[in-house]
Amino acid sequence: MRFSLCGATAALFALGGFLLSGGSVKAGLITTPPNTINALFFLGAHAGTPETEDFGSPPVAGPAPIGPGGVDFVEGAIDGSTIHVGDTQIVITNQLAAPFCSVTATPCPDSFTGFEFQFSSGVDITGVSVDPASAADFLPNTTAPHAGLQLLSPTDMLVDMTGDAPKISDDLIIDVTTAGTTPISAISEPSSMWLLLVGVVGLLWLRRRFGHGLGGRASC
């Protein structure tokens, strides 16, 4: 009994430490050597020459390496937004008090005004979604014929912002899932089970340890 109880305790702690430390989660957009991202902005239509977002200080045109802390793009002269690309999220922050449209009209007649994010071949994106923490007035346009947030390929996504008029400092947060990435929701359940099992083993250990009296030997 001593061997099985101690062995189970050690195994559970090892498993729990692995789960809670995120050991089962593989890297998303950030890897070594770094992946790169090219952030583009199209005004009016998804054609022609886009605005290429700049990064760094002094500003340098992309594509930008996605380093350990991600990468930040400075405010674009046309789109008026700053962009942060992390391991599993892209955050676009509006900095301009003007709608995302090539003309002053409601509704906006543009076929496409928005962003395109092109990654290097080391990225394998399997899904993109709008995070609930995004501002309500800064969401991708899904009104036909607009397609909102699109994953064109594992290395390319479009964000249709046509007609949006967000307030300054409003965020659009895009959650990115890559091949091999374990969603947080998939980690929470085994972590909870681990905590429950450790609690049960702990109670059994205490019962065995103190059930023999103060003179009894420790079970572990």
C-alpha atoms as a PDB file:
ATOM      1  CA  MET A   1       0.000   0.000   0.000  1.00  0.00           C
ATOM      2  CA  ARG A   2       2.853   2.334   0.807  1.00  0.00           C
ATOM      3  CA  PHE A   3       4.370   1.920  -2.653  1.00  0.00           C
ATOM      4  CA  SER A   4       1.099   2.424  -4.521  1.00  0.00           C
ATOM      5  CA  LEU A   5       0.076   5.453  -2.483  1.00  0.00           C
ATOM      6  CA  CYS A   6       3.424   7.204  -2.761  1.00  0.00           C
ATOM      7  CA  GLY A   7       3.795   6.263  -6.404  1.00  0.00           C
ATOM      8  CA  ALA A   8       0.338   7.561  -7.220  1.00  0.00           C
ATOM      9  CA  THR A   9       1.037  10.818  -5.388  1.00  0.00           C
ATOM     10  CA  ALA A  10       4.299  11.381  -7.246  1.00  0.00           C
ATOM     11  CA  ALA A  11       2.740  10.553 -10.600  1.00  0.00           C
ATOM     12  CA  LEU A  12      -0.214  12.862 -10.018  1.00  0.00           C
ATOM     13  CA  PHE A  13       1.986  15.769  -8.994  1.00  0.00           C
ATOM     14  CA  ALA A  14       4.176  15.267 -12.042  1.00  0.00           C
ATOM     15  CA  LEU A  15       1.129  15.148 -14.325  1.00  0.00           C
ATOM     16  CA  GLY A  16      -0.473  18.144 -12.641  1.00  0.00           C
ATOM     17  CA  GLY A  17       2.672  20.220 -12.879  1.00  0.00           C
ATOM     18  CA  PHE A  18       2.886  19.418 -16.574  1.00  0.00           C
ATOM     19  CA  LEU A  19      -0.735  20.401 -17.194  1.00  0.00           C
ATOM     20  CA  LEU A  20      -0.791  23.570 -15.118  1.00  0.00           C
ATOM     21  CA  SER A  21       2.517  24.793 -16.507  1.00  0.00           C
ATOM     22  CA  GLY A  22       1.065  24.566 -19.997  1.00  0.00           C
ATOM     23  CA  GLY A  23       3.382  21.711 -20.970  1.00  0.00           C
ATOM     24  CA  SER A  24       0.766  20.308 -23.302  1.00  0.00           C
ATOM     25  CA  VAL A  25       0.455  23.590 -25.211  1.00  0.00           C
ATOM     26  CA  LYS A  26       2.669  23.994 -28.246  1.00  0.00           C
ATOM     27  CA  ALA A  27       3.773  27.339 -29.616  1.00  0.00           C
ATOM     28  CA  GLY A  28       1.381  29.230 -31.841  1.00  0.00           C
ATOM     29  CA  LEU A  29       2.661  32.079 -33.999  1.00  0.00           C
ATOM     30  CA  ILE A  30       5.906  32.471 -32.036  1.00  0.00           C
ATOM     31  CA  THR A  31       8.620  29.915 -32.762  1.00  0.00           C
ATOM     32  CA  THR A  32      12.416  29.697 -32.967  1.00  0.00           C
ATOM     33  CA  PRO A  33      13.625  30.722 -35.494  1.00  0.00           C
ATOM     34  CA  PRO A  34      10.909  33.377 -35.591  1.00  0.00           C
ATOM     35  CA  ASN A  35       8.032  33.340 -38.009  1.00  0.00           C
ATOM     36  CA  THR A  36       7.314  36.562 -39.867  1.00  0.00           C
ATOM     37  CA  ILE A  37       4.120  38.492 -40.562  1.00  0.00           C
ATOM     38  CA  ASN A  38       3.325  41.041 -43.235  1.00  0.00           C
ATOM     39  CA  ALA A  39       0.460  43.351 -42.185  1.00  0.00           C
ATOM     40  CA  LEU A  40      -1.335  45.079 -45.055  1.00  0.00           C
ATOM     41  CA  PHE A  41      -4.234  47.550 -45.230  1.00  0.00           C
ATOM     42  CA  PHE A  42      -6.537  47.911 -48.239  1.00  0.00           C
ATOM     43  CA  LEU A  43      -8.792  50.945 -48.690  1.00  0.00           C
ATOM     44  CA  GLY A  44     -11.828  50.566 -50.966  1.00  0.00           C
ATOM     45  CA  ALA A  45     -11.114  47.158 -52.492  1.00  0.00           C
ATOM     46  CA  HIS A  46      -8.916  44.119 -52.002  1.00  0.00           C
ATOM     47  CA  ALA A  47      -6.843  45.087 -55.009  1.00  0.00           C
ATOM     48  CA  GLY A  48      -4.188  47.535 -56.036  1.00  0.00           C
ATOM     49  CA  THR A  49      -1.297  48.569 -53.807  1.00  0.00           C
ATOM     50  CA  PRO A  50      -2.026  48.239 -50.074  1.00  0.00           C
ATOM     51  CA  GLU A  51      -0.492  50.198 -47.234  1.00  0.00           C
ATOM     52  CA  THR A  52       2.271  48.073 -45.681  1.00  0.00           C
ATOM     53  CA  GLU A  53       2.321  48.462 -41.915  1.00  0.00           C
ATOM     54  CA  ASP A  54       5.600  49.519 -40.282  1.00  0.00           C
ATOM     55  CA  PHE A  55       7.150  48.067 -37.133  1.00  0.00           C
ATOM     56  CA  GLY A  56      10.075  48.851 -34.823  1.00  0.00           C
ATOM     57  CA  SER A  57      11.770  52.080 -33.835  1.00  0.00           C
ATOM     58  CA  PRO A  58      12.575  53.756 -36.137  1.00  0.00           C
ATOM     59  CA  PRO A  59       9.694  52.325 -38.189  1.00  0.00           C
ATOM     60  CA  VAL A  60      10.611  49.646 -40.722  1.00  0.00           C
ATOM     61  CA  ALA A  61       8.299  48.194 -43.363  1.00  0.00           C
ATOM     62  CA  GLY A  62       7.237  44.546 -42.893  1.00  0.00           C
ATOM     63  CA  PRO A  63       7.356  41.587 -43.003  1.00  0.00           C
ATOM     64  CA  ALA A  64       8.221  41.646 -39.321  1.00  0.00           C
ATOM     65  CA  PRO A  65       9.745  38.815 -37.234  1.00  0.00           C
ATOM     66  CA  ILE A  66       7.419  37.626 -34.475  1.00  0.00           C
ATOM     67  CA  GLY A  67       9.843  37.638 -31.532  1.00  0.00           C
ATOM     68  CA  PRO A  68       9.410  36.180 -28.022  1.00  0.00           C
ATOM     69  CA  GLY A  69       7.218  39.102 -26.971  1.00  0.00           C
ATOM     70  CA  GLY A  70       5.379  39.302 -30.261  1.00  0.00           C
ATOM     71  CA  VAL A  71       5.679  42.242 -32.638  1.00  0.00           C
ATOM     72  CA  ASP A  72       4.106  45.713 -32.658  1.00  0.00           C
ATOM     73  CA  PHE A  73       3.193  47.715 -35.745  1.00  0.00           C
ATOM     74  CA  VAL A  74       3.082  51.499 -35.426  1.00  0.00           C
ATOM     75  CA  GLU A  75       0.040  53.548 -36.413  1.00  0.00           C
ATOM     76  CA  GLY A  76      -0.508  53.416 -40.151  1.00  0.00           C
ATOM     77  CA  ALA A  77      -0.904  56.721 -41.968  1.00  0.00           C
ATOM     78  CA  ILE A  78      -4.007  55.502 -43.814  1.00  0.00           C
ATOM     79  CA  ASP A  79      -5.607  52.924 -41.515  1.00  0.00           C
ATOM     80  CA  GLY A  80      -4.900  54.849 -38.300  1.00  0.00           C
ATOM     81  CA  SER A  81      -4.400  51.708 -36.223  1.00  0.00           C
ATOM     82  CA  THR A  82      -1.714  50.064 -34.155  1.00  0.00           C
ATOM     83  CA  ILE A  83      -1.340  46.281 -34.251  1.00  0.00           C
ATOM     84  CA  HIS A  84       0.128  43.791 -31.774  1.00  0.00           C
ATOM     85  CA  VAL A  85       0.762  40.217 -32.877  1.00  0.00           C
ATOM     86  CA  GLY A  86       1.299  37.721 -30.061  1.00  0.00           C
ATOM     87  CA  ASP A  87       1.489  33.943 -29.902  1.00  0.00           C
ATOM     88  CA  THR A  88      -2.252  33.283 -30.103  1.00  0.00           C
ATOM     89  CA  GLN A  89      -3.816  36.725 -30.605  1.00  0.00           C
ATOM     90  CA  ILE A  90      -3.729  39.711 -32.928  1.00  0.00           C
ATOM     91  CA  VAL A  91      -4.914  42.990 -31.377  1.00  0.00           C
ATOM     92  CA  ILE A  92      -5.840  45.890 -33.665  1.00  0.00           C
ATOM     93  CA  THR A  93      -6.305  49.193 -31.801  1.00  0.00           C
ATOM     94  CA  ASN A  94      -8.063  52.073 -33.515  1.00  0.00           C
ATOM     95  CA  GLN A  95      -6.323  55.469 -33.248  1.00  0.00           C
ATOM     96  CA  LEU A  96      -8.323  57.528 -35.745  1.00  0.00           C
ATOM     97  CA  ALA A  97     -11.709  59.245 -35.375  1.00  0.00           C
ATOM     98  CA  ALA A  98     -12.922  58.306 -38.843  1.00  0.00           C
ATOM     99  CA  PRO A  99     -14.809  55.362 -40.339  1.00  0.00           C
ATOM    100  CA  PHE A 100     -13.109  52.550 -42.255  1.00  0.00           C
ATOM    101  CA  CYS A 101     -14.288  53.721 -45.667  1.00  0.00           C
ATOM    102  CA  SER A 102     -12.750  55.358 -48.734  1.00  0.00           C
ATOM    103  CA  VAL A 103     -15.590  57.910 -48.952  1.00  0.00           C
ATOM    104  CA  THR A 104     -17.996  59.639 -46.588  1.00  0.00           C
ATOM    105  CA  ALA A 105     -21.154  57.624 -47.106  1.00  0.00           C
ATOM    106  CA  THR A 106     -23.553  55.427 -45.157  1.00  0.00           C
ATOM    107  CA  PRO A 107     -23.570  52.582 -45.809  1.00  0.00           C
ATOM    108  CA  CYS A 108     -19.987  52.485 -47.044  1.00  0.00           C
ATOM    109  CA  PRO A 109     -19.913  51.440 -50.724  1.00  0.00           C
ATOM    110  CA  ASP A 110     -16.431  49.871 -50.535  1.00  0.00           C
ATOM    111  CA  SER A 111     -16.141  46.235 -51.583  1.00  0.00           C
ATOM    112  CA  PHE A 112     -13.350  45.792 -49.039  1.00  0.00           C
ATOM    113  CA  THR A 113     -11.627  48.039 -46.539  1.00  0.00           C
ATOM    114  CA  GLY A 114      -9.576  46.193 -43.986  1.00  0.00           C
ATOM    115  CA  PHE A 115      -6.477  44.204 -43.148  1.00  0.00           C
ATOM    116  CA  GLU A 116      -4.646  41.222 -44.552  1.00  0.00           C
ATOM    117  CA  PHE A 117      -2.105  39.303 -42.486  1.00  0.00           C
ATOM    118  CA  GLN A 118       0.383  37.148 -44.383  1.00  0.00           C
ATOM    119  CA  PHE A 119       2.626  34.787 -42.396  1.00  0.00           C
ATOM    120  CA  SER A 120       5.764  32.872 -43.316  1.00  0.00           C
ATOM    121  CA  SER A 121       5.523  29.193 -44.154  1.00  0.00           C
ATOM    122  CA  GLY A 122       6.389  28.135 -40.591  1.00  0.00           C
ATOM    123  CA  VAL A 123       2.876  29.112 -39.481  1.00  0.00           C
ATOM    124  CA  ASP A 124      -0.004  26.622 -39.745  1.00  0.00           C
ATOM    125  CA  ILE A 125      -3.191  28.450 -38.737  1.00  0.00           C
ATOM    126  CA  THR A 126      -6.221  26.186 -38.344  1.00  0.00           C
ATOM    127  CA  GLY A 127      -8.780  28.688 -37.066  1.00  0.00           C
ATOM    128  CA  VAL A 128      -9.462  32.366 -36.370  1.00  0.00           C
ATOM    129  CA  SER A 129     -12.247  33.947 -34.318  1.00  0.00           C
ATOM    130  CA  VAL A 130     -13.216  37.276 -32.780  1.00  0.00           C
ATOM    131  CA  ASP A 131     -12.472  37.398 -29.063  1.00  0.00           C
ATOM    132  CA  PRO A 132     -15.470  38.415 -26.876  1.00  0.00           C
ATOM    133  CA  ALA A 133     -13.364  41.172 -25.315  1.00  0.00           C
ATOM    134  CA  SER A 134     -13.374  43.080 -28.625  1.00  0.00           C
ATOM    135  CA  ALA A 135     -15.190  46.431 -28.760  1.00  0.00           C
ATOM    136  CA  ALA A 136     -18.771  46.117 -30.024  1.00  0.00           C
ATOM    137  CA  ASP A 137     -18.249  48.906 -32.570  1.00  0.00           C
ATOM    138  CA  PHE A 138     -15.014  47.385 -33.923  1.00  0.00           C
ATOM    139  CA  LEU A 139     -16.035  44.012 -35.316  1.00  0.00           C
ATOM    140  CA  PRO A 140     -15.484  42.516 -38.784  1.00  0.00           C
ATOM    141  CA  ASN A 141     -18.269  43.324 -41.252  1.00  0.00           C
ATOM    142  CA  THR A 142     -20.280  40.166 -41.911  1.00  0.00           C
ATOM    143  CA  THR A 143     -23.139  41.853 -43.770  1.00  0.00           C
ATOM    144  CA  ALA A 144     -23.409  40.416 -47.319  1.00  0.00           C
ATOM    145  CA  PRO A 145     -21.435  40.644 -49.523  1.00  0.00           C
ATOM    146  CA  HIS A 146     -18.800  41.127 -46.820  1.00  0.00           C
ATOM    147  CA  ALA A 147     -17.246  38.022 -45.288  1.00  0.00           C
ATOM    148  CA  GLY A 148     -15.960  39.393 -41.998  1.00  0.00           C
ATOM    149  CA  LEU A 149     -12.982  37.436 -40.693  1.00  0.00           C
ATOM    150  CA  GLN A 150     -11.612  34.975 -43.265  1.00  0.00           C
ATOM    151  CA  LEU A 151      -8.830  32.418 -43.146  1.00  0.00           C
ATOM    152  CA  LEU A 152      -7.725  32.261 -46.788  1.00  0.00           C
ATOM    153  CA  SER A 153      -4.977  29.715 -46.105  1.00  0.00           C
ATOM    154  CA  PRO A 154      -2.925  28.452 -43.120  1.00  0.00           C
ATOM    155  CA  THR A 155      -0.679  31.499 -43.617  1.00  0.00           C
ATOM    156  CA  ASP A 156      -3.109  34.207 -44.772  1.00  0.00           C
ATOM    157  CA  MET A 157      -6.150  35.921 -43.241  1.00  0.00           C
ATOM    158  CA  LEU A 158      -8.425  38.811 -44.192  1.00  0.00           C
ATOM    159  CA  VAL A 159     -10.250  41.135 -41.774  1.00  0.00           C
ATOM    160  CA  ASP A 160     -13.087  43.070 -43.442  1.00  0.00           C
ATOM    161  CA  MET A 161     -13.623  46.317 -41.498  1.00  0.00           C
ATOM    162  CA  THR A 162     -15.678  48.080 -44.188  1.00  0.00           C
ATOM    163  CA  GLY A 163     -17.887  50.807 -42.689  1.00  0.00           C
ATOM    164  CA  ASP A 164     -16.736  50.346 -39.078  1.00  0.00           C
ATOM    165  CA  ALA A 165     -16.539  53.550 -37.039  1.00  0.00           C
ATOM    166  CA  PRO A 166     -14.858  52.569 -33.756  1.00  0.00           C
ATOM    167  CA  LYS A 167     -13.947  54.980 -31.009  1.00  0.00           C
ATOM    168  CA  ILE A 168     -10.298  55.855 -30.433  1.00  0.00           C
ATOM    169  CA  SER A 169      -8.517  53.151 -28.377  1.00  0.00           C
ATOM    170  CA  ASP A 170     -11.148  50.504 -29.190  1.00  0.00           C
ATOM    171  CA  ASP A 171      -9.705  47.036 -29.775  1.00  0.00           C
ATOM    172  CA  LEU A 172     -10.471  44.238 -32.191  1.00  0.00           C
ATOM    173  CA  ILE A 173      -8.965  41.054 -30.751  1.00  0.00           C
ATOM    174  CA  ILE A 174      -8.516  38.058 -33.036  1.00  0.00           C
ATOM    175  CA  ASP A 175      -7.903  34.658 -31.461  1.00  0.00           C
ATOM    176  CA  VAL A 176      -5.654  32.416 -33.541  1.00  0.00           C
ATOM    177  CA  THR A 177      -5.425  28.623 -33.313  1.00  0.00           C
ATOM    178  CA  THR A 178      -2.511  26.824 -34.934  1.00  0.00           C
ATOM    179  CA  ALA A 179      -1.845  23.154 -35.623  1.00  0.00           C
ATOM    180  CA  GLY A 180      -0.695  21.535 -32.391  1.00  0.00           C
ATOM    181  CA  THR A 181      -2.087  24.289 -30.177  1.00  0.00           C
ATOM    182  CA  THR A 182      -4.246  23.041 -27.302  1.00  0.00           C
ATOM    183  CA  PRO A 183      -7.102  25.469 -26.533  1.00  0.00           C
ATOM    184  CA  ILE A 184      -7.336  26.683 -22.928  1.00  0.00           C
ATOM    185  CA  SER A 185     -10.754  25.034 -22.621  1.00  0.00           C
ATOM    186  CA  ALA A 186      -9.187  21.667 -23.385  1.00  0.00           C
ATOM    187  CA  ILE A 187      -6.606  22.123 -20.632  1.00  0.00           C
ATOM    188  CA  SER A 188      -8.962  23.236 -17.857  1.00  0.00           C
ATOM    189  CA  GLU A 189     -10.784  19.902 -17.561  1.00  0.00           C
ATOM    190  CA  PRO A 190      -7.736  17.635 -16.981  1.00  0.00           C
ATOM    191  CA  SER A 191      -6.284  20.253 -14.650  1.00  0.00           C
ATOM    192  CA  SER A 192      -9.477  20.180 -12.566  1.00  0.00           C
ATOM    193  CA  MET A 193      -9.405  16.389 -12.475  1.00  0.00           C
ATOM    194  CA  TRP A 194      -5.790  16.489 -11.317  1.00  0.00           C
ATOM    195  CA  LEU A 195      -6.651  18.791  -8.427  1.00  0.00           C
ATOM    196  CA  LEU A 196      -9.503  16.492  -7.394  1.00  0.00           C
ATOM    197  CA  LEU A 197      -7.310  13.395  -7.496  1.00  0.00           C
ATOM    198  CA  VAL A 198      -4.528  15.064  -5.534  1.00  0.00           C
ATOM    199  CA  GLY A 199      -7.087  16.020  -2.884  1.00  0.00           C
ATOM    200  CA  VAL A 200      -8.287  12.409  -2.593  1.00  0.00           C
ATOM    201  CA  VAL A 201      -4.732  11.066  -2.375  1.00  0.00           C
ATOM    202  CA  GLY A 202      -3.920  13.691   0.249  1.00  0.00           C
ATOM    203  CA  LEU A 203      -6.845  12.609   2.410  1.00  0.00           C
ATOM    204  CA  LEU A 204      -5.800   8.976   2.110  1.00  0.00           C
ATOM    205  CA  TRP A 205      -2.249   9.881   3.103  1.00  0.00           C
ATOM    206  CA  LEU A 206      -3.415  11.822   6.158  1.00  0.00           C
ATOM    207  CA  ARG A 207      -5.666   8.976   7.219  1.00  0.00           C
ATOM    208  CA  ARG A 208      -2.819   6.477   6.898  1.00  0.00           C
ATOM    209  CA  ARG A 209      -0.278   8.816   8.522  1.00  0.00           C
ATOM    210  CA  PHE A 210      -2.288   9.737  11.593  1.00  0.00           C
ATOM    211  CA  GLY A 211      -4.535   6.697  11.806  1.00  0.00           C
ATOM    212  CA  HIS A 212      -1.668   4.717  13.391  1.00  0.00           C
ATOM    213  CA  GLY A 213      -1.110   7.281  16.097  1.00  0.00           C
ATOM    214  CA  LEU A 214       1.847   9.518  16.717  1.00  0.00           C
ATOM    215  CA  GLY A 215       4.164   6.561  16.989  1.00  0.00           C
ATOM    216  CA  GLY A 216       3.238   5.181  13.571  1.00  0.00           C
ATOM    217  CA  ARG A 217       5.574   5.346  10.641  1.00  0.00           C
ATOM    218  CA  ALA A 218       4.955   7.793   7.834  1.00  0.00           C
ATOM    219  CA  SER A 219       3.460   6.136   4.777  1.00  0.00           C
ATOM    220  CA  CYS A 220       5.704   8.163   2.463  1.00  0.00           C
END
